[in-house]
């Protein structure tokens, strides 16, 4: 076997690692319950084919970047001290409207077997319902770990680029957890000094992000639809997918992040929407607003106002 000239094998040396296959399950509803360990969500669905069945299988439209942005938006909303939404309800609503968070591969295989008629449906239904249950505290813990690190890294990169406000506003006491205080030592610096010190300490500050990233487990994964086998990240939860997508964004030699798993169209970075303040995945180099109707309306309003001002000033921007 030919020796490769590398001390450490990354994405490019291994080849194909970035081409993951995500499994997804979407249950039609959930029920909030509790036991001696706390509150938990259990799915509501029917064991026989019909309208009230879950949707499941390989999801070629499940974008890791979009999932990361949406979960971090959920974290920011629920962790905001001014938010009045019950945390358990916020999690319930997000899962119902988006995707089931845990045991994705196992649940997909079990659902395929049950609805194919290869096994006794009632017994299989009870097993699936049990496997799909998850505690609210587990979701909160995973959400806080992901949200705090992403929020810190985002603020760090913004501050390094000159947006000092993002760094100054990073630390706060939240409903579920406090944000990370790594930039607090620069709070009393002037803007110019703040920017200078962040750049001087950047490698240490970025290293703190890397220290908080989880380890990734890689394994061979089969894509039955394409009849292919690939070496990819083991993703048993949406948080696994998000951590992997986050890691790809900050890795020096990561493969390009694309719109879907066919890698047909490239996407941009994650930004703040200038209207609502939510994270969103940028689709073009000039996009500054997310796709929500109200934000697009605000974009068009500002665009029309800017056009009117240019015409009023003889075709020149006023400053």
Foldseek 3Di string as FASTA:
>chain_A
DDDDPDPDDDDVNVDQAPLDWDKFKAAQAWDWDADPVGIKIFGDADLEDDDRHIDIDTDQQDALQFLLQVLLLLVCQQFAPPHPDDLVVSVRVCRNVDTQFFQRVVLRVLSVCSHVVVDDRVVSVVVSRVRSMDHSVVVLVLSVLSNQLVLQVVLLVCLLVQNVVSLLPQFDQTPSGTHDCPLVVCNPPDSVVSNVVSVVCVVVSVVVSVVSQDDWDWDWDADVVVRDIGIYTDDRGSSNSNSVVVCLVPDPPRDFRDSGSVRPAGWAHWDQAPPPRGIDTHRDPPDRHDDPPVSVVVVVVVVVVQVVCCVVVVNDGDD
